[in-house]
Every structure is written in structure tokens, then in C-alpha cells.
Protein backbone atom coordinates (compact mmCIF):
# COMPACT_ATOMS: atom_id res chain seq x y z
CA UNK A 1 -0.67 -15.33 60.07
CA UNK A 2 -0.92 -13.03 57.05
CA UNK A 3 1.08 -15.66 55.19
CA UNK A 4 -2.05 -17.79 54.97
CA UNK A 5 -3.22 -15.58 52.15
CA UNK A 6 -0.37 -16.61 49.85
CA UNK A 7 -0.91 -20.36 50.27
CA UNK A 8 -3.06 -22.51 48.02
CA UNK A 9 -6.68 -22.72 49.20
CA UNK A 10 -6.51 -26.28 50.51
CA UNK A 11 -3.15 -25.78 52.25
CA UNK A 12 -4.23 -22.48 53.79
CA UNK A 13 -7.48 -23.93 55.06
CA UNK A 14 -5.73 -26.89 56.66
CA UNK A 15 -3.09 -24.72 58.32
CA UNK A 16 -5.71 -22.27 59.55
CA UNK A 17 -7.80 -25.04 61.13
CA UNK A 18 -4.73 -26.55 62.79
CA UNK A 19 -3.75 -23.15 64.21
CA UNK A 20 -7.28 -22.51 65.51
CA UNK A 21 -7.34 -25.80 67.40
CA UNK A 22 -3.88 -25.23 68.82
CA UNK A 23 -4.67 -21.70 70.05
CA UNK A 24 -7.98 -22.82 71.54
CA UNK A 25 -6.16 -25.59 73.38
CA UNK A 26 -3.66 -23.06 74.78
CA UNK A 27 -6.52 -20.86 75.96
CA UNK A 28 -8.59 -23.75 77.38
CA UNK A 29 -5.67 -25.14 79.37
CA UNK A 30 -4.72 -21.76 80.82
CA UNK A 31 -1.45 -21.48 78.93
CA UNK A 32 -2.67 -18.23 77.37
CA UNK A 33 -5.11 -15.70 78.76
CA UNK A 34 -6.39 -14.74 75.31
CA UNK A 35 -7.47 -16.81 72.31
CA UNK A 36 -5.47 -15.81 69.21
CA UNK A 37 -7.76 -17.99 67.08
CA UNK A 38 -10.40 -15.24 67.00
CA UNK A 39 -8.02 -13.03 65.00
CA UNK A 40 -7.22 -15.60 62.33
CA UNK A 41 -8.52 -14.71 58.86
CA UNK A 42 -11.18 -16.88 57.30
CA UNK A 43 -9.87 -18.97 54.43
CA UNK A 44 -12.18 -19.78 51.56
CA UNK A 45 -11.88 -23.26 50.17
CA UNK A 46 -11.13 -23.24 46.45
CA UNK A 47 -12.96 -25.74 44.28
CA UNK A 48 -10.52 -28.00 42.41
CA UNK A 49 -10.90 -28.39 38.66
CA UNK A 50 -12.03 -31.72 37.18
CA UNK A 51 -9.18 -33.85 35.83
CA UNK A 52 -10.58 -36.70 33.73
CA UNK A 53 -7.81 -39.06 32.68
CA UNK A 54 -7.39 -39.00 28.87
CA UNK A 55 -8.26 -42.27 27.16
CA UNK A 56 -4.81 -42.39 25.57
CA UNK A 57 -3.25 -42.68 29.04
CA UNK A 58 -5.73 -45.37 30.05
CA UNK A 59 -5.09 -47.46 26.93
CA UNK A 60 -1.34 -47.16 27.47
CA UNK A 61 -1.79 -48.30 31.07
CA UNK A 62 -3.94 -51.22 29.93
CA UNK A 63 -1.17 -52.36 27.59
CA UNK A 64 1.38 -52.29 30.42
CA UNK A 65 -0.94 -53.91 32.99
CA UNK A 66 -1.46 -57.53 33.91
CA UNK A 67 -4.95 -59.09 33.98
CA UNK A 68 -5.59 -58.08 37.59
CA UNK A 69 -4.48 -54.50 37.02
CA UNK A 70 -6.62 -54.20 33.88
CA UNK A 71 -9.67 -54.99 35.96
CA UNK A 72 -8.68 -52.29 38.44
CA UNK A 73 -8.32 -49.78 35.61
CA UNK A 74 -11.66 -50.73 34.09
CA UNK A 75 -13.54 -50.54 37.39
CA UNK A 76 -12.23 -47.01 37.87
CA UNK A 77 -12.70 -45.78 34.30
CA UNK A 78 -15.84 -47.71 33.28
CA UNK A 79 -17.71 -47.91 36.59
CA UNK A 80 -16.38 -44.87 38.48
CA UNK A 81 -15.41 -46.81 41.60
CA UNK A 82 -13.29 -45.39 44.42
CA UNK A 83 -10.11 -47.23 45.42
CA UNK A 84 -11.76 -48.79 48.46
CA UNK A 85 -14.71 -49.87 46.31
CA UNK A 86 -12.46 -51.47 43.71
CA UNK A 87 -10.67 -53.42 46.44
CA UNK A 88 -13.96 -54.80 47.79
CA UNK A 89 -15.59 -56.09 44.58
CA UNK A 90 -16.95 -59.65 44.94
CA UNK A 91 -18.15 -62.00 42.20
CA UNK A 92 -21.62 -62.13 43.78
CA UNK A 93 -21.99 -58.34 43.40
CA UNK A 94 -23.02 -58.64 39.75
CA UNK A 95 -26.76 -58.40 39.06
CA UNK A 96 -28.37 -59.52 35.81
CA UNK A 97 -31.28 -57.41 34.58
CA UNK A 98 -33.39 -56.99 31.45
CA UNK A 99 -31.41 -53.88 30.48
CA UNK A 100 -28.05 -55.54 31.15
CA UNK A 101 -25.74 -56.32 34.07
CA UNK A 102 -25.13 -54.03 37.03
CA UNK A 103 -22.73 -54.00 39.96
CA UNK A 104 -23.58 -53.59 43.63
CA UNK A 105 -21.05 -51.10 44.98
CA UNK A 106 -20.37 -50.69 48.70
CA UNK A 107 -19.40 -47.07 49.18
CA UNK A 108 -18.56 -44.75 52.04
CA UNK A 109 -20.44 -45.42 55.25
CA UNK A 110 -21.34 -48.88 53.93
CA UNK A 111 -23.90 -47.24 51.62
CA UNK A 112 -24.75 -49.35 48.60
CA UNK A 113 -25.53 -48.22 45.07
CA UNK A 114 -26.17 -49.95 41.75
CA UNK A 115 -23.93 -49.11 38.79
CA UNK A 116 -24.52 -50.41 35.24
CA UNK A 117 -21.56 -52.26 33.71
CA UNK A 118 -20.80 -53.84 30.34
CA UNK A 119 -21.40 -57.51 29.57
CA UNK A 120 -17.67 -58.11 29.20
CA UNK A 121 -16.80 -56.53 32.54
CA UNK A 122 -19.59 -58.49 34.22
CA UNK A 123 -18.24 -61.78 32.83
CA UNK A 124 -14.74 -61.03 34.10
CA UNK A 125 -16.04 -60.24 37.58
CA UNK A 126 -18.28 -63.30 37.86
CA UNK A 127 -15.43 -65.51 36.66
CA UNK A 128 -13.66 -64.85 39.97
CA UNK A 129 -14.31 -67.38 42.77
CA UNK A 130 -15.20 -64.80 45.41
CA UNK A 131 -13.26 -61.60 45.99
CA UNK A 132 -12.01 -60.11 42.73
CA UNK A 133 -8.82 -59.03 44.50
CA UNK A 134 -8.34 -61.45 47.42
CA UNK A 135 -6.06 -60.59 50.32
CA UNK A 136 -2.99 -62.62 51.14
CA UNK A 137 -4.58 -64.35 54.12
CA UNK A 138 -8.29 -63.59 53.98
CA UNK A 139 -10.82 -61.04 52.80
CA UNK A 140 -9.87 -58.60 50.08
CA UNK A 141 -6.89 -56.33 49.47
CA UNK A 142 -6.63 -52.86 51.01
CA UNK A 143 -7.27 -49.74 48.94
CA UNK A 144 -3.56 -48.90 49.29
CA UNK A 145 -2.80 -52.03 47.24
CA UNK A 146 -5.06 -50.83 44.42
CA UNK A 147 -3.64 -47.31 44.64
CA UNK A 148 -0.07 -48.55 44.41
CA UNK A 149 -0.75 -50.55 41.25
CA UNK A 150 -2.76 -47.85 39.49
CA UNK A 151 -0.30 -45.11 40.40
CA UNK A 152 2.51 -47.16 38.88
CA UNK A 153 0.59 -47.63 35.62
CA UNK A 154 -0.70 -44.08 35.10
CA UNK A 155 1.52 -41.16 34.02
CA UNK A 156 2.71 -38.57 36.53
CA UNK A 157 -0.03 -36.08 37.30
CA UNK A 158 -2.81 -38.55 36.57
CA UNK A 159 -3.62 -40.37 39.78
CA UNK A 160 -6.15 -43.18 40.23
CA UNK A 161 -8.92 -40.71 41.08
CA UNK A 162 -8.66 -39.22 37.57
CA UNK A 163 -10.26 -42.46 36.32
CA UNK A 164 -13.34 -41.60 38.39
CA UNK A 165 -13.30 -38.08 36.95
CA UNK A 166 -13.20 -39.62 33.48
CA UNK A 167 -16.23 -41.76 34.27
CA UNK A 168 -18.19 -38.79 35.62
CA UNK A 169 -17.34 -36.60 32.64
CA UNK A 170 -18.26 -39.23 30.04
CA UNK A 171 -21.50 -40.08 31.81
CA UNK A 172 -22.51 -36.43 31.93
CA UNK A 173 -21.60 -35.89 28.26
CA UNK A 174 -23.98 -38.72 27.36
CA UNK A 175 -26.86 -38.18 29.80
CA UNK A 176 -26.69 -34.42 30.57
CA UNK A 177 -28.12 -35.42 33.95
CA UNK A 178 -25.98 -34.24 36.85
CA UNK A 179 -28.28 -35.81 39.46
CA UNK A 180 -27.98 -39.20 37.77
CA UNK A 181 -24.19 -38.94 37.64
CA UNK A 182 -24.18 -37.94 41.30
CA UNK A 183 -26.09 -41.10 42.21
CA UNK A 184 -23.80 -43.29 40.10
CA UNK A 185 -20.77 -41.85 41.89
CA UNK A 186 -22.34 -42.30 45.32
CA UNK A 187 -22.23 -38.60 46.17
CA UNK A 188 -24.59 -37.15 48.77
CA UNK A 189 -24.45 -33.75 47.09
CA UNK A 190 -24.59 -32.65 43.44
CA UNK A 191 -22.11 -29.90 44.35
CA UNK A 192 -19.49 -32.58 44.96
CA UNK A 193 -20.24 -34.12 41.56
CA UNK A 194 -19.59 -30.80 39.84
CA UNK A 195 -15.96 -31.09 40.91
CA UNK A 196 -15.70 -34.33 38.93
CA UNK A 197 -17.39 -33.30 35.68
CA UNK A 198 -15.28 -31.46 33.10
CA UNK A 199 -17.18 -29.36 30.56
CA UNK A 200 -16.85 -31.03 27.14
CA UNK A 201 -14.51 -29.09 24.86
CA UNK A 202 -17.02 -29.33 22.01
CA UNK A 203 -19.59 -27.39 24.05
CA UNK A 204 -17.06 -24.76 25.04
CA UNK A 205 -16.27 -24.16 21.36
CA UNK A 206 -19.86 -23.89 20.13
CA UNK A 207 -19.77 -20.10 20.18
CA UNK A 208 -16.12 -19.72 19.17
CA UNK A 209 -16.89 -18.55 15.62
CA UNK A 210 -19.21 -15.88 16.98
CA UNK A 211 -16.61 -14.32 19.26
CA UNK A 212 -13.50 -14.70 17.08
CA UNK A 213 -12.37 -11.47 15.41
CA UNK A 214 -11.96 -11.60 11.64
CA UNK A 215 -8.62 -11.35 9.89
């Protein structure tokens, strides 16, 4: 099992957990007298880097998309919705307030949150007679349907979730409030939100002149 050390963090962790369960099952069912799982090395989970989709890729995708797909792109990039949340948007989910329109989002575990949206996006959602993306027979489409369309439109290496990373990064650049961004994304932990927010390049370069060697 020393080979676990040379695998990527996520792959190694998954393989290690699978091996632990398998060895414990062998031991529990009497197929082995010992439990090899106790000797497995602990694998630390590596934190993935944020990957906000560049606006140039999004605009190119918008040009190639049909009206339905453009709404999918905008809900991901402008509202930070997950695939399952995009699939389940309904025209009645738009709320009008003094500060502008918002969208009721039904997230994981049927938890709801309120996300501000633009006037234009609100108009396009309320123009739909019910589900924004209706299913063939009833209800709304599955998240796999949304994923398939967005994956086709975006360049290789920039999956649908990169739209959500873009939303998180832009929101943080503007508000500098990680807790607020966490709530907008529907995260239960700010630590999860940190995976989504890329540090703005302008902030990284603030001290560049001070550390650059002359001539």
C-alpha cells in the first residue's frame, strides 16, 4: 500500500477508504484473522485550487448557445447556482424587493437561500410559464441534462462548476466578505467557500515592485 503516497490526494484518499472497508469486511466475516486496515497510512486530503471560468470563455459559450443554454450559463455565472439548482428554477422563484429582484434557490438537503439577480435575468425567468427548464413529461429536467449542455459549450478543462467558481470569486472581489459569499453559495462552512474563491491577480501583484530585483 506504499503506492498510495504517489497518487493524487483525492485518488489516494478514495482508494485508502475503499481498502479499509474491504479489509474490515474480511476481518468481520472471518475471512482473515487480522485487520490489515490498521496498517494503512493516513492520507491527507489536498485542497483543490479555485478555477473561475474566464469571462472570455463564457462570452464565447453565450455566442454558441441557444436561448435555453444562455439562461443555464447565466444562472451559473451570475447567480452561482449548482447544476441541480439550475435544473429546478421555477418562474415563481423570483422575488421583487426594494433593492431589486432576488431568486429563491433550493439547494442541497432542500435548504433554501435567497440570491440577488439582475433585472434582466429576473425578467427572463418570470417570462417562463412554470419550470424554466421543463422535463419531457413532467417536472423539470435532471441536472445531467444541464451538465451535458454546459459541458458542450465550455472549453475543455472548464467544466460547469467553474461558472460557480467565477461567481464566488467576483462576489468576493467586490464585497471582501467571505461569510456573505458562503451564504450566497449555500455552503455550511466558510472553509468550503475558500476552495471556490481565487485571489484576485491585482492583489497578488500589489507588492511586486517591492520584491522585484533591479536591473
